[in-house]
Protein backbone atom coordinates (compact mmCIF):
# COMPACT_ATOMS: atom_id res chain seq x y z
CA UNK A 1 143.93 122.43 98.07
CA UNK A 2 146.90 121.73 100.28
CA UNK A 3 147.30 122.95 103.87
CA UNK A 4 144.75 123.52 106.57
CA UNK A 5 141.24 124.79 105.79
CA UNK A 6 139.92 126.93 108.67
CA UNK A 7 137.34 129.61 109.56
CA UNK A 8 134.42 127.93 107.83
CA UNK A 9 130.93 127.51 109.37
CA UNK A 10 127.29 127.47 108.27
CA UNK A 11 127.61 131.07 107.09
CA UNK A 12 131.07 130.82 105.48
CA UNK A 13 131.55 128.00 103.01
CA UNK A 14 132.18 127.15 99.35
CA UNK A 15 129.11 127.55 97.12
CA UNK A 16 129.30 124.99 94.31
CA UNK A 17 126.48 126.29 92.13
CA UNK A 18 128.57 126.23 88.95
CA UNK A 19 130.83 123.54 87.57
CA UNK A 20 133.55 123.80 90.16
CA UNK A 21 134.16 121.64 93.22
CA UNK A 22 136.19 121.79 96.43
CA UNK A 23 139.32 119.62 96.18
CA UNK A 24 141.18 118.61 99.33
CA UNK A 25 144.37 116.60 99.10
CA UNK A 26 145.66 113.54 100.91
CA UNK A 27 142.41 112.48 102.61
CA UNK A 28 143.25 109.63 104.98
CA UNK A 29 141.84 108.00 108.07
CA UNK A 30 141.15 111.23 109.95
CA UNK A 31 137.83 113.00 109.26
CA UNK A 32 138.05 115.68 106.56
CA UNK A 33 135.12 118.05 106.24
CA UNK A 34 134.29 119.64 102.90
CA UNK A 35 132.36 122.87 103.73
CA UNK A 36 130.13 123.17 100.66
CA UNK A 37 126.60 124.19 99.78
CA UNK A 38 124.54 124.65 96.66
CA UNK A 39 123.61 128.23 97.51
CA UNK A 40 124.60 131.00 99.96
CA UNK A 41 121.65 129.98 102.14
CA UNK A 42 122.03 126.18 102.07
CA UNK A 43 125.07 124.73 103.88
CA UNK A 44 125.21 120.98 103.22
CA UNK A 45 128.76 119.75 103.83
CA UNK A 46 130.26 116.31 103.41
CA UNK A 47 132.83 114.56 105.60
CA UNK A 48 135.11 111.81 104.37
CA UNK A 49 137.21 109.34 106.32
CA UNK A 50 139.35 107.26 103.98
CA UNK A 51 140.45 104.04 105.61
CA UNK A 52 142.17 102.91 102.42
CA UNK A 53 145.01 104.45 100.45
CA UNK A 54 145.09 108.22 101.03
CA UNK A 55 143.85 110.12 97.99
CA UNK A 56 142.70 113.57 96.84
CA UNK A 57 138.93 114.13 96.79
CA UNK A 58 136.62 116.61 95.08
CA UNK A 59 133.21 117.41 96.46
CA UNK A 60 130.42 119.41 94.88
CA UNK A 61 126.78 119.63 96.01
CA UNK A 62 123.97 120.41 93.61
CA UNK A 63 120.45 121.59 94.18
CA UNK A 64 117.92 118.89 93.33
CA UNK A 65 117.93 115.11 92.86
CA UNK A 66 117.53 113.32 89.54
CA UNK A 67 116.31 109.78 88.83
CA UNK A 68 119.58 108.79 87.08
CA UNK A 69 122.17 110.40 89.26
CA UNK A 70 123.20 113.51 87.36
CA UNK A 71 120.50 113.04 84.67
CA UNK A 72 116.88 111.91 84.33
CA UNK A 73 113.69 113.33 85.76
CA UNK A 74 113.54 115.28 89.03
CA UNK A 75 112.68 113.41 92.18
CA UNK A 76 109.81 115.27 93.85
CA UNK A 77 109.21 113.51 97.15
CA UNK A 78 110.62 111.19 99.83
CA UNK A 79 114.21 112.46 99.61
CA UNK A 80 116.61 115.24 100.46
CA UNK A 81 116.62 117.63 97.52
CA UNK A 82 120.42 117.64 97.12
CA UNK A 83 123.00 115.62 95.14
CA UNK A 84 126.58 115.37 96.34
CA UNK A 85 129.13 114.66 93.58
CA UNK A 86 132.17 113.04 95.20
CA UNK A 87 135.22 112.01 93.17
CA UNK A 88 138.63 110.54 94.02
CA UNK A 89 141.65 111.47 91.96
CA UNK A 90 143.07 107.95 91.64
CA UNK A 91 140.28 105.39 91.23
CA UNK A 92 140.58 102.33 93.44
CA UNK A 93 142.29 101.97 96.80
CA UNK A 94 139.89 104.07 98.82
CA UNK A 95 137.61 102.68 101.52
CA UNK A 96 135.62 105.67 102.72
CA UNK A 97 133.08 106.49 105.36
CA UNK A 98 131.01 109.33 103.92
CA UNK A 99 128.83 111.58 106.06
CA UNK A 100 126.35 113.96 104.46
CA UNK A 101 124.58 116.84 106.24
CA UNK A 102 121.27 118.47 105.42
CA UNK A 103 118.58 120.69 106.90
CA UNK A 104 114.83 120.35 107.30
CA UNK A 105 114.33 122.90 104.57
CA UNK A 106 116.10 120.56 102.14
CA UNK A 107 113.63 117.71 102.68
CA UNK A 108 111.00 117.01 100.01
CA UNK A 109 107.45 116.04 100.95
CA UNK A 110 106.77 112.67 102.61
CA UNK A 111 110.46 112.13 103.40
CA UNK A 112 110.89 109.80 106.40
CA UNK A 113 114.25 110.16 108.16
CA UNK A 114 113.64 106.97 110.15
CA UNK A 115 113.69 104.81 107.02
CA UNK A 116 116.22 106.71 104.92
CA UNK A 117 119.27 105.56 103.00
CA UNK A 118 122.51 107.24 101.94
CA UNK A 119 122.09 106.45 98.26
CA UNK A 120 124.94 106.00 95.78
CA UNK A 121 124.41 106.06 92.00
CA UNK A 122 126.54 103.31 90.50
CA UNK A 123 126.30 100.95 87.53
CA UNK A 124 123.38 102.92 86.08
CA UNK A 125 121.19 102.50 89.15
CA UNK A 126 120.80 103.81 92.65
CA UNK A 127 122.47 101.59 95.23
CA UNK A 128 120.62 102.09 98.51
CA UNK A 129 122.63 99.81 100.81
CA UNK A 130 121.20 99.32 104.30
CA UNK A 131 118.91 101.71 106.14
CA UNK A 132 121.14 104.14 107.99
CA UNK A 133 120.38 105.92 111.27
CA UNK A 134 120.47 109.70 111.20
CA UNK A 135 121.89 111.93 113.87
CA UNK A 136 121.48 115.54 114.81
CA UNK A 137 118.43 117.78 114.91
CA UNK A 138 118.40 120.28 112.04
CA UNK A 139 121.02 119.97 110.73
CA UNK A 140 120.95 116.17 110.36
CA UNK A 141 123.80 113.82 109.43
CA UNK A 142 123.92 110.33 107.93
CA UNK A 143 126.96 108.14 107.35
CA UNK A 144 127.58 105.26 104.95
CA UNK A 145 130.69 103.15 105.52
CA UNK A 146 132.96 101.20 103.18
CA UNK A 147 132.37 103.19 100.04
CA UNK A 148 134.92 102.15 97.37
CA UNK A 149 133.56 103.87 94.27
CA UNK A 150 132.45 107.47 93.78
CA UNK A 151 129.78 109.28 91.84
CA UNK A 152 126.49 111.02 92.83
CA UNK A 153 125.24 110.52 96.39
CA UNK A 154 122.02 111.60 98.09
CA UNK A 155 119.68 110.79 100.99
CA UNK A 156 116.26 109.26 100.35
CA UNK A 157 113.63 106.67 101.08
CA UNK A 158 113.72 103.49 98.99
CA UNK A 159 110.62 104.51 97.05
CA UNK A 160 111.88 107.96 96.18
CA UNK A 161 113.02 107.17 92.62
CA UNK A 162 110.00 107.25 90.26
CA UNK A 163 109.45 104.38 87.85
CA UNK A 164 111.91 102.03 89.49
CA UNK A 165 109.36 99.46 90.60
CA UNK A 166 108.37 95.82 90.64
CA UNK A 167 105.03 94.21 91.55
CA UNK A 168 103.86 92.63 94.77
CA UNK A 169 100.79 90.49 94.05
CA UNK A 170 98.63 90.23 97.16
CA UNK A 171 95.42 88.31 97.74
CA UNK A 172 93.29 89.63 100.63
CA UNK A 173 89.77 88.85 101.75
CA UNK A 174 87.94 91.00 104.31
CA UNK A 175 85.36 89.57 106.67
CA UNK A 176 83.38 92.79 106.26
CA UNK A 177 82.78 92.32 102.51
CA UNK A 178 83.13 88.54 102.10
CA UNK A 179 80.04 86.83 100.67
CA UNK A 180 81.23 83.22 100.90
CA UNK A 181 82.97 83.19 97.55
CA UNK A 182 84.18 86.65 96.60
CA UNK A 183 83.81 90.10 98.12
CA UNK A 184 80.95 92.49 97.67
CA UNK A 185 81.70 95.94 96.35
CA UNK A 186 81.66 98.67 98.98
CA UNK A 187 78.69 100.94 98.55
CA UNK A 188 78.39 104.68 98.72
CA UNK A 189 75.35 106.94 98.88
CA UNK A 190 74.41 106.26 95.23
CA UNK A 191 75.68 102.74 94.63
CA UNK A 192 79.11 101.24 94.05
CA UNK A 193 81.79 103.41 95.63
CA UNK A 194 84.41 102.26 93.10
CA UNK A 195 84.14 101.38 89.44
CA UNK A 196 84.90 98.12 87.70
CA UNK A 197 85.89 95.10 89.84
CA UNK A 198 87.29 97.18 92.73
CA UNK A 199 85.67 96.15 96.02
CA UNK A 200 87.46 98.66 98.29
CA UNK A 201 90.84 100.22 98.98
CA UNK A 202 93.51 98.94 101.34
CA UNK A 203 96.76 100.44 102.55
CA UNK A 204 99.96 98.38 102.19
CA UNK A 205 103.24 98.95 104.03
CA UNK A 206 106.65 97.22 103.78
CA UNK A 207 108.47 96.84 107.12
CA UNK A 208 111.95 95.68 108.02
CA UNK A 209 112.18 92.06 109.18
CA UNK A 210 114.13 92.89 112.36
CA UNK A 211 113.27 94.99 115.43
CA UNK A 212 112.12 97.72 115.58
CA UNK A 213 110.46 96.63 112.29
CA UNK A 214 110.86 100.07 110.73
CA UNK A 215 108.69 101.21 107.85
CA UNK A 216 110.83 100.68 104.73
CA UNK A 217 108.37 101.65 101.96
CA UNK A 218 104.79 102.84 101.71
CA UNK A 219 102.10 103.24 102.73
CA UNK A 220 100.54 102.59 99.33
CA UNK A 221 96.81 103.05 98.70
CA UNK A 222 95.83 99.96 96.70
CA UNK A 223 92.73 98.88 94.84
CA UNK A 224 91.49 95.53 96.11
CA UNK A 225 89.32 93.60 93.67
CA UNK A 226 86.26 91.47 94.44
CA UNK A 227 88.33 88.33 93.88
CA UNK A 228 90.80 89.51 96.56
CA UNK A 229 93.64 90.39 94.24
CA UNK A 230 95.49 93.56 95.03
CA UNK A 231 98.65 94.23 92.96
CA UNK A 232 101.07 96.77 94.48
CA UNK A 233 103.97 98.50 92.80
CA UNK A 234 106.90 98.53 95.22
CA UNK A 235 110.46 99.86 94.81
CA UNK A 236 112.62 97.58 92.66
CA UNK A 237 115.70 98.02 94.94
CA UNK A 238 113.89 96.11 97.72
CA UNK A 239 115.80 92.86 97.76
CA UNK A 240 115.94 91.62 101.38
CA UNK A 241 113.22 90.04 103.54
CA UNK A 242 110.36 92.27 104.68
CA UNK A 243 107.04 92.05 106.46
CA UNK A 244 104.00 93.09 104.46
CA UNK A 245 101.38 94.94 106.49
CA UNK A 246 97.79 95.48 105.25
CA UNK A 247 95.41 98.02 106.71
CA UNK A 248 91.77 98.71 105.89
CA UNK A 249 89.46 101.48 107.05
CA UNK A 250 87.45 99.28 109.39
CA UNK A 251 89.36 95.97 109.57
CA UNK A 252 92.13 94.75 111.84
CA UNK A 253 95.70 95.60 110.77
CA UNK A 254 97.26 92.34 109.62
CA UNK A 255 100.96 91.41 109.06
CA UNK A 256 102.28 88.62 106.87
CA UNK A 257 103.00 85.43 108.75
CA UNK A 258 106.74 85.69 108.06
CA UNK A 259 108.98 88.17 106.24
CA UNK A 260 108.77 87.78 102.46
CA UNK A 261 111.75 87.47 100.16
CA UNK A 262 111.75 90.54 97.90
CA UNK A 263 114.74 89.36 95.89
CA UNK A 264 112.59 88.32 92.92
CA UNK A 265 111.33 90.50 90.08
CA UNK A 266 107.78 89.85 91.28
CA UNK A 267 106.46 88.65 94.64
CA UNK A 268 103.18 86.87 95.38
CA UNK A 269 101.48 86.37 98.70
CA UNK A 270 97.97 85.00 99.42
CA UNK A 271 96.74 85.71 102.93
CA UNK A 272 93.64 83.53 102.41
CA UNK A 273 95.18 80.05 102.01
CA UNK A 274 96.13 79.24 105.61
CA UNK A 275 95.79 80.73 109.06
CA UNK A 276 99.56 80.87 109.30
CA UNK A 277 99.65 83.40 106.45
CA UNK A 278 99.07 86.14 109.07
CA UNK A 279 101.42 86.88 111.92
CA UNK A 280 100.00 85.33 115.11
CA UNK A 281 97.53 83.30 113.03
CA UNK A 282 95.31 86.36 113.18
CA UNK A 283 92.76 85.37 110.57
CA UNK A 284 89.19 84.06 110.61
CA UNK A 285 88.05 80.99 108.60
CA UNK A 286 84.92 81.61 106.58
CA UNK A 287 83.68 79.26 103.82
CA UNK A 288 87.12 77.81 103.26
CA UNK A 289 89.03 81.09 103.08
CA UNK A 290 91.00 82.89 105.81
CA UNK A 291 89.82 86.47 106.00
CA UNK A 292 90.87 89.61 107.89
CA UNK A 293 88.85 90.33 111.02
CA UNK A 294 86.46 93.25 110.65
CA UNK A 295 85.06 95.86 113.00
CA UNK A 296 88.03 98.04 113.97
CA UNK A 297 86.11 101.20 113.11
CA UNK A 298 88.38 103.61 115.01
CA UNK A 299 91.61 101.89 113.87
CA UNK A 300 93.12 101.51 117.34
CA UNK A 301 94.10 97.87 116.81
CA UNK A 302 91.29 96.23 118.82
CA UNK A 303 87.60 95.61 118.34
CA UNK A 304 85.78 96.83 121.45
CA UNK A 305 83.16 99.21 122.78
CA UNK A 306 85.04 102.16 121.22
CA UNK A 307 84.03 100.65 117.84
CA UNK A 308 80.52 99.77 118.92
CA UNK A 309 79.71 103.32 119.93
CA UNK A 310 80.14 105.01 116.50
CA UNK A 311 78.23 102.22 114.78
CA UNK A 312 75.45 102.52 117.32
CA UNK A 313 75.33 106.30 117.00
CA UNK A 314 75.34 106.34 113.21
CA UNK A 315 72.73 103.60 113.10
CA UNK A 316 70.47 105.58 115.39
CA UNK A 317 70.95 108.57 113.06
CA UNK A 318 70.03 106.47 109.98
CA UNK A 319 73.31 107.43 108.29
CA UNK A 320 74.23 106.01 104.92
CA UNK A 321 77.09 106.21 102.46
CA UNK A 322 80.78 105.18 102.33
CA UNK A 323 81.36 105.47 106.07
CA UNK A 324 83.88 103.75 108.38
CA UNK A 325 80.94 102.81 110.60
CA UNK A 326 79.34 100.95 107.68
CA UNK A 327 81.40 97.87 108.50
CA UNK A 328 79.82 95.48 106.01
CA UNK A 329 80.00 98.03 103.21
CA UNK A 330 76.38 97.90 102.09
CA UNK A 331 75.98 101.68 102.26
CA UNK A 332 73.76 101.69 105.38
CA UNK A 333 74.78 101.73 109.07
CA UNK A 334 72.52 99.24 110.80
CA UNK A 335 72.42 96.00 112.79
CA UNK A 336 74.36 94.20 110.07
CA UNK A 337 77.40 96.25 110.98
CA UNK A 338 76.80 95.95 114.71
CA UNK A 339 76.76 92.16 114.45
CA UNK A 340 80.34 92.02 113.07
CA UNK A 341 81.65 94.47 115.64
CA UNK A 342 79.83 92.91 118.58
CA UNK A 343 80.93 89.36 117.71
CA UNK A 344 84.62 90.30 117.29
CA UNK A 345 84.57 92.48 120.40
CA UNK A 346 83.19 89.44 122.33
CA UNK A 347 86.07 87.41 120.93
CA UNK A 348 88.66 89.98 122.06
CA UNK A 349 89.88 90.40 118.50
CA UNK A 350 92.91 92.66 118.04
CA UNK A 351 95.95 93.13 115.86
CA UNK A 352 98.98 90.81 116.20
CA UNK A 353 102.36 92.30 115.42
CA UNK A 354 105.96 91.17 115.84
């Protein structure tokens, strides 16, 4: 299309629900908005600033997001449920800033705008680039700069694409369950709460290495074995340095001592080998292993009277089972749990974070 495109808005735009696209010519270093949507009720335009050689661009937006760009299995969470197909007429020479717009109603479950990427499918994989800030408030916008090749684009969290994973091998010991060598299995009302070698569950998060240390991926609910091993599947595109954060239902939140390099196909980290393995040296030495402090029953980041109270109350009520107040995991709330909480409260134990 040549000339000036006018009189478009969120109610009047091009619906690209077939095979066609909107083509605008001679896109240069002034913003050019492509007023498109995948349906008459879903306006999701794209804006292009081309700082390279002016070129003609086509834009089409599709309903849904697929694991392999315009093919593969549907993505069902942690993304905007749209795919923008952007093409230049003459490949090469463009250096574009691309802005995509979406609405709350376009967001799939568990999508986190604060740790989202403007994703670009290239070379048979999703290229996430850096985390990008979003702007606006329904609708929202996100921009990615210096785009030089064109194909499917979308907005998503780094763990949105199913099956695209690698393994983080963690070793974690909890004071609450530690028996001097391994960990006891957490008990429920009728015995072991979990089958096999699983001692308990932990939650694992991946955070950016720089302030404000944004959540990049997770949280993941992970099985922690009696020998402390806890393998976690994390997104394969993670390739920079990140903090690993481990949380447990009645232990102190603990961060890795330093950001870990996720550039390898597999990553290993053992919290138990040295006190420096936790940020702020926030570990306790027991029988030659460094363990996570226990007793944070209410998960507010400190062990204090607010944790003592529920343990005391449940102990007085002779409660049993898989309870947060059962700090030592033996299935009964009693003085054994109070001892851990009371000792760590007296030591002013709390979480240490960057």
